């Protein structure tokens, strides 16, 4: 496991299990320079931390989106070298948003395996308030692209009521932004054929999502500065 201070304490087997890949895959990515080297401990055993796990999950998401290994290498080279696990998780969430909704079903043990931890009833309720997990008969339906990020939010000291209220605020403003952007682009696509419209949508989706994310991060940092708080939201300014 990894300590609260972020000290690398995962073995390569534990890292692979948490990320849902094989040890061979971890070592292959390491030899290509996609993962930073582990911290070498006693008996020459390599130890990995939250940054390794977050970067590994990002790599897997990029592959899931159909990117080649060479394209993934170029993508990672463009990222700042000092990104925190939180920043890497945000990048993964943005990448996952490019794909169609990926809702899956699982029983409790399978859900916990995908989450990488035991989930209490309170955890399930909080994930449901985020819109990540929903009970479905004897099992659960969950958004595969948001599950890991939602699980990380379980450790944030917010009440379930605050999480639900925050989700409602985000959904409301996201719908308004989507509607206004759609109206803005309507004139651009009205004279184009179906394939052109699909191509424009495919190219604009990640650009718009990244723009919204960047604007939100900057605005939130400004709000927190007004409280006299030094924020690490989204990394350094």
C-alpha atoms as a PDB file:
ATOM      1  CA  UNK A   1       0.000   0.000   0.000  1.00  0.00           C
ATOM      2  CA  UNK A   2       0.950   3.719  -0.018  1.00  0.00           C
ATOM      3  CA  UNK A   3       1.204   5.797   3.125  1.00  0.00           C
ATOM      4  CA  UNK A   4      -0.766   8.994   3.713  1.00  0.00           C
ATOM      5  CA  UNK A   5       2.428  10.977   3.145  1.00  0.00           C
ATOM      6  CA  UNK A   6       2.700   9.543  -0.347  1.00  0.00           C
ATOM      7  CA  UNK A   7       5.848   7.530   0.440  1.00  0.00           C
ATOM      8  CA  UNK A   8       6.284   4.809  -2.205  1.00  0.00           C
ATOM      9  CA  UNK A   9       5.409   1.490  -0.562  1.00  0.00           C
ATOM     10  CA  UNK A  10       3.777  -0.503  -3.382  1.00  0.00           C
ATOM     11  CA  UNK A  11       5.680  -3.442  -4.794  1.00  0.00           C
ATOM     12  CA  UNK A  12       5.508  -3.995  -8.537  1.00  0.00           C
ATOM     13  CA  UNK A  13       2.968  -6.782  -7.975  1.00  0.00           C
ATOM     14  CA  UNK A  14       0.781  -4.527  -5.836  1.00  0.00           C
ATOM     15  CA  UNK A  15       1.049  -1.676  -8.345  1.00  0.00           C
ATOM     16  CA  UNK A  16       0.009  -3.954 -11.203  1.00  0.00           C
ATOM     17  CA  UNK A  17      -2.927  -5.324  -9.202  1.00  0.00           C
ATOM     18  CA  UNK A  18      -4.150  -1.844  -8.238  1.00  0.00           C
ATOM     19  CA  UNK A  19      -3.996  -0.693 -11.880  1.00  0.00           C
ATOM     20  CA  UNK A  20      -5.521  -3.892 -13.273  1.00  0.00           C
ATOM     21  CA  UNK A  21      -2.528  -4.731 -15.493  1.00  0.00           C
ATOM     22  CA  UNK A  22       0.204  -7.362 -15.476  1.00  0.00           C
ATOM     23  CA  UNK A  23       3.647  -6.981 -13.928  1.00  0.00           C
ATOM     24  CA  UNK A  24       5.057  -7.490 -17.412  1.00  0.00           C
ATOM     25  CA  UNK A  25       3.092  -4.456 -18.605  1.00  0.00           C
ATOM     26  CA  UNK A  26       4.441  -2.301 -15.761  1.00  0.00           C
ATOM     27  CA  UNK A  27       8.003  -3.313 -16.573  1.00  0.00           C
ATOM     28  CA  UNK A  28       7.475  -2.721 -20.285  1.00  0.00           C
ATOM     29  CA  UNK A  29       6.221   0.819 -19.653  1.00  0.00           C
ATOM     30  CA  UNK A  30       9.176   1.413 -17.340  1.00  0.00           C
ATOM     31  CA  UNK A  31      11.699   0.343 -19.979  1.00  0.00           C
ATOM     32  CA  UNK A  32      10.069   2.765 -22.442  1.00  0.00           C
ATOM     33  CA  UNK A  33      10.426   5.602 -19.940  1.00  0.00           C
ATOM     34  CA  UNK A  34       6.655   6.038 -19.539  1.00  0.00           C
ATOM     35  CA  UNK A  35       6.886   5.391 -15.792  1.00  0.00           C
ATOM     36  CA  UNK A  36       9.505   6.964 -13.516  1.00  0.00           C
ATOM     37  CA  UNK A  37      11.879   4.478 -11.850  1.00  0.00           C
ATOM     38  CA  UNK A  38      10.838   3.057  -8.480  1.00  0.00           C
ATOM     39  CA  UNK A  39      12.488   3.923  -5.195  1.00  0.00           C
ATOM     40  CA  UNK A  40      14.939   1.147  -4.398  1.00  0.00           C
ATOM     41  CA  UNK A  41      14.598  -0.090  -0.835  1.00  0.00           C
ATOM     42  CA  UNK A  42      16.231  -2.807   1.251  1.00  0.00           C
ATOM     43  CA  UNK A  43      17.158  -6.002  -0.592  1.00  0.00           C
ATOM     44  CA  UNK A  44      17.082  -4.020  -3.853  1.00  0.00           C
ATOM     45  CA  UNK A  45      13.278  -4.172  -3.951  1.00  0.00           C
ATOM     46  CA  UNK A  46      11.624  -1.420  -6.005  1.00  0.00           C
ATOM     47  CA  UNK A  47       8.783   0.528  -4.377  1.00  0.00           C
ATOM     48  CA  UNK A  48       6.138   2.574  -6.187  1.00  0.00           C
ATOM     49  CA  UNK A  49       3.834   5.358  -5.002  1.00  0.00           C
ATOM     50  CA  UNK A  50       0.666   7.221  -5.916  1.00  0.00           C
ATOM     51  CA  UNK A  51       2.363   9.051  -8.790  1.00  0.00           C
ATOM     52  CA  UNK A  52       3.263   5.735 -10.438  1.00  0.00           C
ATOM     53  CA  UNK A  53      -0.290   4.452 -10.041  1.00  0.00           C
ATOM     54  CA  UNK A  54      -1.846   7.670 -11.380  1.00  0.00           C
ATOM     55  CA  UNK A  55       0.525   7.738 -14.366  1.00  0.00           C
ATOM     56  CA  UNK A  56      -0.087   4.056 -15.079  1.00  0.00           C
ATOM     57  CA  UNK A  57      -3.859   4.610 -15.028  1.00  0.00           C
ATOM     58  CA  UNK A  58      -3.452   7.558 -17.424  1.00  0.00           C
ATOM     59  CA  UNK A  59      -1.395   5.419 -19.822  1.00  0.00           C
ATOM     60  CA  UNK A  60      -4.032   2.689 -19.750  1.00  0.00           C
ATOM     61  CA  UNK A  61      -6.793   5.244 -20.418  1.00  0.00           C
ATOM     62  CA  UNK A  62      -4.863   6.653 -23.394  1.00  0.00           C
ATOM     63  CA  UNK A  63      -4.476   3.141 -24.775  1.00  0.00           C
ATOM     64  CA  UNK A  64      -8.197   2.527 -24.215  1.00  0.00           C
ATOM     65  CA  UNK A  65      -8.876   5.588 -26.372  1.00  0.00           C
ATOM     66  CA  UNK A  66      -6.924   3.950 -29.205  1.00  0.00           C
ATOM     67  CA  UNK A  67      -3.684   5.920 -28.992  1.00  0.00           C
ATOM     68  CA  UNK A  68      -0.534   4.178 -30.220  1.00  0.00           C
ATOM     69  CA  UNK A  69       2.455   3.766 -27.937  1.00  0.00           C
ATOM     70  CA  UNK A  70       4.350   6.437 -29.878  1.00  0.00           C
ATOM     71  CA  UNK A  71       1.417   8.849 -29.493  1.00  0.00           C
ATOM     72  CA  UNK A  72       1.252   8.124 -25.755  1.00  0.00           C
ATOM     73  CA  UNK A  73       4.972   8.850 -25.435  1.00  0.00           C
ATOM     74  CA  UNK A  74       4.481  12.208 -27.181  1.00  0.00           C
ATOM     75  CA  UNK A  75       1.474  13.013 -24.970  1.00  0.00           C
ATOM     76  CA  UNK A  76       3.390  12.277 -21.760  1.00  0.00           C
ATOM     77  CA  UNK A  77       6.440  14.265 -22.883  1.00  0.00           C
ATOM     78  CA  UNK A  78       4.228  17.353 -23.199  1.00  0.00           C
ATOM     79  CA  UNK A  79       3.079  17.110 -19.562  1.00  0.00           C
ATOM     80  CA  UNK A  80       4.944  19.090 -16.880  1.00  0.00           C
ATOM     81  CA  UNK A  81       7.503  16.914 -15.117  1.00  0.00           C
ATOM     82  CA  UNK A  82       6.262  17.819 -11.619  1.00  0.00           C
ATOM     83  CA  UNK A  83       2.593  16.841 -11.986  1.00  0.00           C
ATOM     84  CA  UNK A  84       1.113  15.477  -8.781  1.00  0.00           C
ATOM     85  CA  UNK A  85      -1.028  12.309  -8.628  1.00  0.00           C
ATOM     86  CA  UNK A  86      -4.049  14.631  -8.363  1.00  0.00           C
ATOM     87  CA  UNK A  87      -3.047  16.457 -11.569  1.00  0.00           C
ATOM     88  CA  UNK A  88      -2.528  13.140 -13.382  1.00  0.00           C
ATOM     89  CA  UNK A  89      -5.975  11.980 -12.232  1.00  0.00           C
ATOM     90  CA  UNK A  90      -7.492  15.140 -13.716  1.00  0.00           C
ATOM     91  CA  UNK A  91      -5.747  14.481 -17.036  1.00  0.00           C
ATOM     92  CA  UNK A  92      -7.095  10.933 -16.990  1.00  0.00           C
ATOM     93  CA  UNK A  93     -10.624  12.200 -16.315  1.00  0.00           C
ATOM     94  CA  UNK A  94     -10.346  14.581 -19.264  1.00  0.00           C
ATOM     95  CA  UNK A  95      -9.091  11.802 -21.540  1.00  0.00           C
ATOM     96  CA  UNK A  96     -11.890   9.490 -20.372  1.00  0.00           C
ATOM     97  CA  UNK A  97     -14.437  12.191 -21.193  1.00  0.00           C
ATOM     98  CA  UNK A  98     -13.519  11.932 -24.892  1.00  0.00           C
ATOM     99  CA  UNK A  99     -15.103   8.490 -25.045  1.00  0.00           C
ATOM    100  CA  UNK A 100     -18.824   7.629 -25.008  1.00  0.00           C
ATOM    101  CA  UNK A 101     -20.337   6.809 -21.611  1.00  0.00           C
ATOM    102  CA  UNK A 102     -18.861   3.552 -20.278  1.00  0.00           C
ATOM    103  CA  UNK A 103     -21.448   2.274 -17.811  1.00  0.00           C
ATOM    104  CA  UNK A 104     -20.730  -1.214 -16.488  1.00  0.00           C
ATOM    105  CA  UNK A 105     -22.387  -3.593 -14.041  1.00  0.00           C
ATOM    106  CA  UNK A 106     -20.748  -5.497 -11.184  1.00  0.00           C
ATOM    107  CA  UNK A 107     -21.506  -7.185  -7.889  1.00  0.00           C
ATOM    108  CA  UNK A 108     -20.022  -5.814  -4.662  1.00  0.00           C
ATOM    109  CA  UNK A 109     -16.714  -7.771  -4.755  1.00  0.00           C
ATOM    110  CA  UNK A 110     -16.149  -6.859  -8.419  1.00  0.00           C
ATOM    111  CA  UNK A 111     -16.938  -3.204  -7.724  1.00  0.00           C
ATOM    112  CA  UNK A 112     -14.467  -3.141  -4.842  1.00  0.00           C
ATOM    113  CA  UNK A 113     -11.826  -4.798  -7.008  1.00  0.00           C
ATOM    114  CA  UNK A 114     -12.288  -2.125  -9.678  1.00  0.00           C
ATOM    115  CA  UNK A 115     -12.228   0.584  -7.002  1.00  0.00           C
ATOM    116  CA  UNK A 116      -9.014  -0.782  -5.504  1.00  0.00           C
ATOM    117  CA  UNK A 117     -10.350  -0.749  -1.922  1.00  0.00           C
ATOM    118  CA  UNK A 118     -13.106  -1.937   0.400  1.00  0.00           C
ATOM    119  CA  UNK A 119     -16.279   0.145   0.162  1.00  0.00           C
ATOM    120  CA  UNK A 120     -18.565   0.714   3.132  1.00  0.00           C
ATOM    121  CA  UNK A 121     -22.270   1.468   2.813  1.00  0.00           C
ATOM    122  CA  UNK A 122     -21.448   5.124   3.439  1.00  0.00           C
ATOM    123  CA  UNK A 123     -18.878   4.992   0.626  1.00  0.00           C
ATOM    124  CA  UNK A 124     -21.503   3.591  -1.760  1.00  0.00           C
ATOM    125  CA  UNK A 125     -23.947   6.338  -0.756  1.00  0.00           C
ATOM    126  CA  UNK A 126     -21.308   9.022  -1.357  1.00  0.00           C
ATOM    127  CA  UNK A 127     -20.397   7.544  -4.765  1.00  0.00           C
ATOM    128  CA  UNK A 128     -24.103   7.469  -5.629  1.00  0.00           C
ATOM    129  CA  UNK A 129     -24.398  11.148  -4.642  1.00  0.00           C
ATOM    130  CA  UNK A 130     -21.562  11.879  -7.087  1.00  0.00           C
ATOM    131  CA  UNK A 131     -23.412  10.023  -9.856  1.00  0.00           C
ATOM    132  CA  UNK A 132     -20.613   7.448 -10.120  1.00  0.00           C
ATOM    133  CA  UNK A 133     -22.365   4.341  -8.718  1.00  0.00           C
ATOM    134  CA  UNK A 134     -26.019   3.346  -8.661  1.00  0.00           C
ATOM    135  CA  UNK A 135     -27.557   0.245  -6.995  1.00  0.00           C
ATOM    136  CA  UNK A 136     -29.029  -2.109  -9.586  1.00  0.00           C
ATOM    137  CA  UNK A 137     -30.861  -5.093  -8.106  1.00  0.00           C
ATOM    138  CA  UNK A 138     -28.298  -7.271  -6.344  1.00  0.00           C
ATOM    139  CA  UNK A 139     -25.409  -5.393  -7.955  1.00  0.00           C
ATOM    140  CA  UNK A 140     -24.348  -1.952  -9.064  1.00  0.00           C
ATOM    141  CA  UNK A 141     -24.036   0.078 -12.229  1.00  0.00           C
ATOM    142  CA  UNK A 142     -21.044   2.401 -12.343  1.00  0.00           C
ATOM    143  CA  UNK A 143     -19.328   4.862 -14.623  1.00  0.00           C
ATOM    144  CA  UNK A 144     -16.029   3.141 -15.405  1.00  0.00           C
ATOM    145  CA  UNK A 145     -14.382   6.401 -16.448  1.00  0.00           C
ATOM    146  CA  UNK A 146     -15.173   8.162 -13.155  1.00  0.00           C
ATOM    147  CA  UNK A 147     -14.931   5.332 -10.616  1.00  0.00           C
ATOM    148  CA  UNK A 148     -11.255   5.803  -9.653  1.00  0.00           C
ATOM    149  CA  UNK A 149     -11.645   9.577  -9.394  1.00  0.00           C
ATOM    150  CA  UNK A 150     -14.808   9.170  -7.321  1.00  0.00           C
ATOM    151  CA  UNK A 151     -13.033   6.765  -4.964  1.00  0.00           C
ATOM    152  CA  UNK A 152     -10.271   9.333  -4.396  1.00  0.00           C
ATOM    153  CA  UNK A 153     -12.934  11.890  -3.468  1.00  0.00           C
ATOM    154  CA  UNK A 154     -14.139   9.589  -0.677  1.00  0.00           C
ATOM    155  CA  UNK A 155     -11.198  10.774   1.398  1.00  0.00           C
ATOM    156  CA  UNK A 156     -12.094  14.447   0.930  1.00  0.00           C
ATOM    157  CA  UNK A 157     -13.704  15.782   4.149  1.00  0.00           C
ATOM    158  CA  UNK A 158     -17.068  16.802   2.656  1.00  0.00           C
ATOM    159  CA  UNK A 159     -20.527  15.740   3.789  1.00  0.00           C
ATOM    160  CA  UNK A 160     -22.760  13.763   1.444  1.00  0.00           C
ATOM    161  CA  UNK A 161     -25.111  16.768   1.309  1.00  0.00           C
ATOM    162  CA  UNK A 162     -22.266  19.026   0.142  1.00  0.00           C
ATOM    163  CA  UNK A 163     -21.186  16.505  -2.494  1.00  0.00           C
ATOM    164  CA  UNK A 164     -24.746  16.265  -3.830  1.00  0.00           C
ATOM    165  CA  UNK A 165     -25.132  20.054  -3.855  1.00  0.00           C
ATOM    166  CA  UNK A 166     -21.774  20.444  -5.622  1.00  0.00           C
ATOM    167  CA  UNK A 167     -22.794  17.885  -8.237  1.00  0.00           C
ATOM    168  CA  UNK A 168     -26.058  19.718  -8.882  1.00  0.00           C
ATOM    169  CA  UNK A 169     -24.164  23.015  -9.343  1.00  0.00           C
ATOM    170  CA  UNK A 170     -21.729  21.420 -11.789  1.00  0.00           C
ATOM    171  CA  UNK A 171     -24.463  19.646 -13.764  1.00  0.00           C
ATOM    172  CA  UNK A 172     -26.580  22.789 -14.020  1.00  0.00           C
ATOM    173  CA  UNK A 173     -23.738  25.005 -15.250  1.00  0.00           C
ATOM    174  CA  UNK A 174     -22.352  22.293 -17.546  1.00  0.00           C
ATOM    175  CA  UNK A 175     -25.744  22.005 -19.267  1.00  0.00           C
ATOM    176  CA  UNK A 176     -25.937  25.775 -19.723  1.00  0.00           C
ATOM    177  CA  UNK A 177     -22.414  25.860 -21.175  1.00  0.00           C
ATOM    178  CA  UNK A 178     -23.152  22.913 -23.487  1.00  0.00           C
ATOM    179  CA  UNK A 179     -26.359  24.560 -24.732  1.00  0.00           C
ATOM    180  CA  UNK A 180     -24.686  27.909 -25.411  1.00  0.00           C
ATOM    181  CA  UNK A 181     -21.757  26.260 -27.195  1.00  0.00           C
ATOM    182  CA  UNK A 182     -24.156  24.187 -29.296  1.00  0.00           C
ATOM    183  CA  UNK A 183     -26.013  27.344 -30.301  1.00  0.00           C
ATOM    184  CA  UNK A 184     -22.698  29.030 -31.112  1.00  0.00           C
ATOM    185  CA  UNK A 185     -21.643  26.205 -33.427  1.00  0.00           C
ATOM    186  CA  UNK A 186     -25.081  25.634 -34.963  1.00  0.00           C
ATOM    187  CA  UNK A 187     -24.453  28.130 -37.734  1.00  0.00           C
ATOM    188  CA  UNK A 188     -21.092  26.551 -38.530  1.00  0.00           C
ATOM    189  CA  UNK A 189     -22.539  23.073 -39.116  1.00  0.00           C
ATOM    190  CA  UNK A 190     -25.894  23.894 -40.704  1.00  0.00           C
ATOM    191  CA  UNK A 191     -24.452  23.912 -44.222  1.00  0.00           C
ATOM    192  CA  UNK A 192     -22.186  20.873 -43.778  1.00  0.00           C
ATOM    193  CA  UNK A 193     -22.902  17.221 -44.499  1.00  0.00           C
ATOM    194  CA  UNK A 194     -23.199  14.570 -41.781  1.00  0.00           C
ATOM    195  CA  UNK A 195     -19.597  13.381 -41.968  1.00  0.00           C
ATOM    196  CA  UNK A 196     -18.252  16.920 -41.637  1.00  0.00           C
ATOM    197  CA  UNK A 197     -20.415  17.488 -38.577  1.00  0.00           C
ATOM    198  CA  UNK A 198     -19.184  14.249 -36.978  1.00  0.00           C
ATOM    199  CA  UNK A 199     -15.573  15.180 -37.705  1.00  0.00           C
ATOM    200  CA  UNK A 200     -16.029  18.658 -36.210  1.00  0.00           C
ATOM    201  CA  UNK A 201     -17.637  17.187 -33.097  1.00  0.00           C
ATOM    202  CA  UNK A 202     -14.832  14.647 -32.630  1.00  0.00           C
ATOM    203  CA  UNK A 203     -12.184  17.365 -32.842  1.00  0.00           C
ATOM    204  CA  UNK A 204     -14.010  19.932 -30.721  1.00  0.00           C
ATOM    205  CA  UNK A 205     -14.948  17.616 -27.841  1.00  0.00           C
ATOM    206  CA  UNK A 206     -11.496  17.239 -26.215  1.00  0.00           C
ATOM    207  CA  UNK A 207     -10.641  20.886 -26.943  1.00  0.00           C
ATOM    208  CA  UNK A 208     -13.804  22.173 -25.273  1.00  0.00           C
ATOM    209  CA  UNK A 209     -13.419  19.834 -22.284  1.00  0.00           C
ATOM    210  CA  UNK A 210      -9.805  20.910 -21.755  1.00  0.00           C
ATOM    211  CA  UNK A 211     -10.773  24.581 -22.078  1.00  0.00           C
ATOM    212  CA  UNK A 212     -13.552  24.189 -19.507  1.00  0.00           C
ATOM    213  CA  UNK A 213     -11.225  22.356 -17.144  1.00  0.00           C
ATOM    214  CA  UNK A 214      -8.481  24.985 -17.424  1.00  0.00           C
ATOM    215  CA  UNK A 215     -10.939  27.847 -16.902  1.00  0.00           C
ATOM    216  CA  UNK A 216     -12.477  26.117 -13.887  1.00  0.00           C
ATOM    217  CA  UNK A 217      -9.080  25.458 -12.290  1.00  0.00           C
ATOM    218  CA  UNK A 218      -8.006  29.075 -12.674  1.00  0.00           C
ATOM    219  CA  UNK A 219     -11.318  30.404 -11.372  1.00  0.00           C
ATOM    220  CA  UNK A 220     -11.236  28.079  -8.358  1.00  0.00           C
ATOM    221  CA  UNK A 221      -7.671  29.119  -7.508  1.00  0.00           C
ATOM    222  CA  UNK A 222      -8.760  32.770  -7.627  1.00  0.00           C
ATOM    223  CA  UNK A 223     -11.705  32.039  -5.329  1.00  0.00           C
ATOM    224  CA  UNK A 224      -9.483  30.218  -2.838  1.00  0.00           C
ATOM    225  CA  UNK A 225      -6.935  33.041  -2.870  1.00  0.00           C
ATOM    226  CA  UNK A 226      -9.799  35.292  -1.796  1.00  0.00           C
ATOM    227  CA  UNK A 227     -10.127  33.089   1.298  1.00  0.00           C
ATOM    228  CA  UNK A 228      -6.402  33.435   1.957  1.00  0.00           C
ATOM    229  CA  UNK A 229      -5.889  29.772   1.012  1.00  0.00           C
ATOM    230  CA  UNK A 230      -2.918  28.518  -1.001  1.00  0.00           C
ATOM    231  CA  UNK A 231      -4.452  25.964  -3.366  1.00  0.00           C
ATOM    232  CA  UNK A 232      -2.892  23.040  -5.170  1.00  0.00           C
ATOM    233  CA  UNK A 233      -5.964  22.614  -7.383  1.00  0.00           C
ATOM    234  CA  UNK A 234      -4.758  21.817 -10.854  1.00  0.00           C
ATOM    235  CA  UNK A 235      -1.092  22.367  -9.955  1.00  0.00           C
ATOM    236  CA  UNK A 236       0.884  25.563  -9.930  1.00  0.00           C
ATOM    237  CA  UNK A 237      -0.414  28.715 -11.585  1.00  0.00           C
END
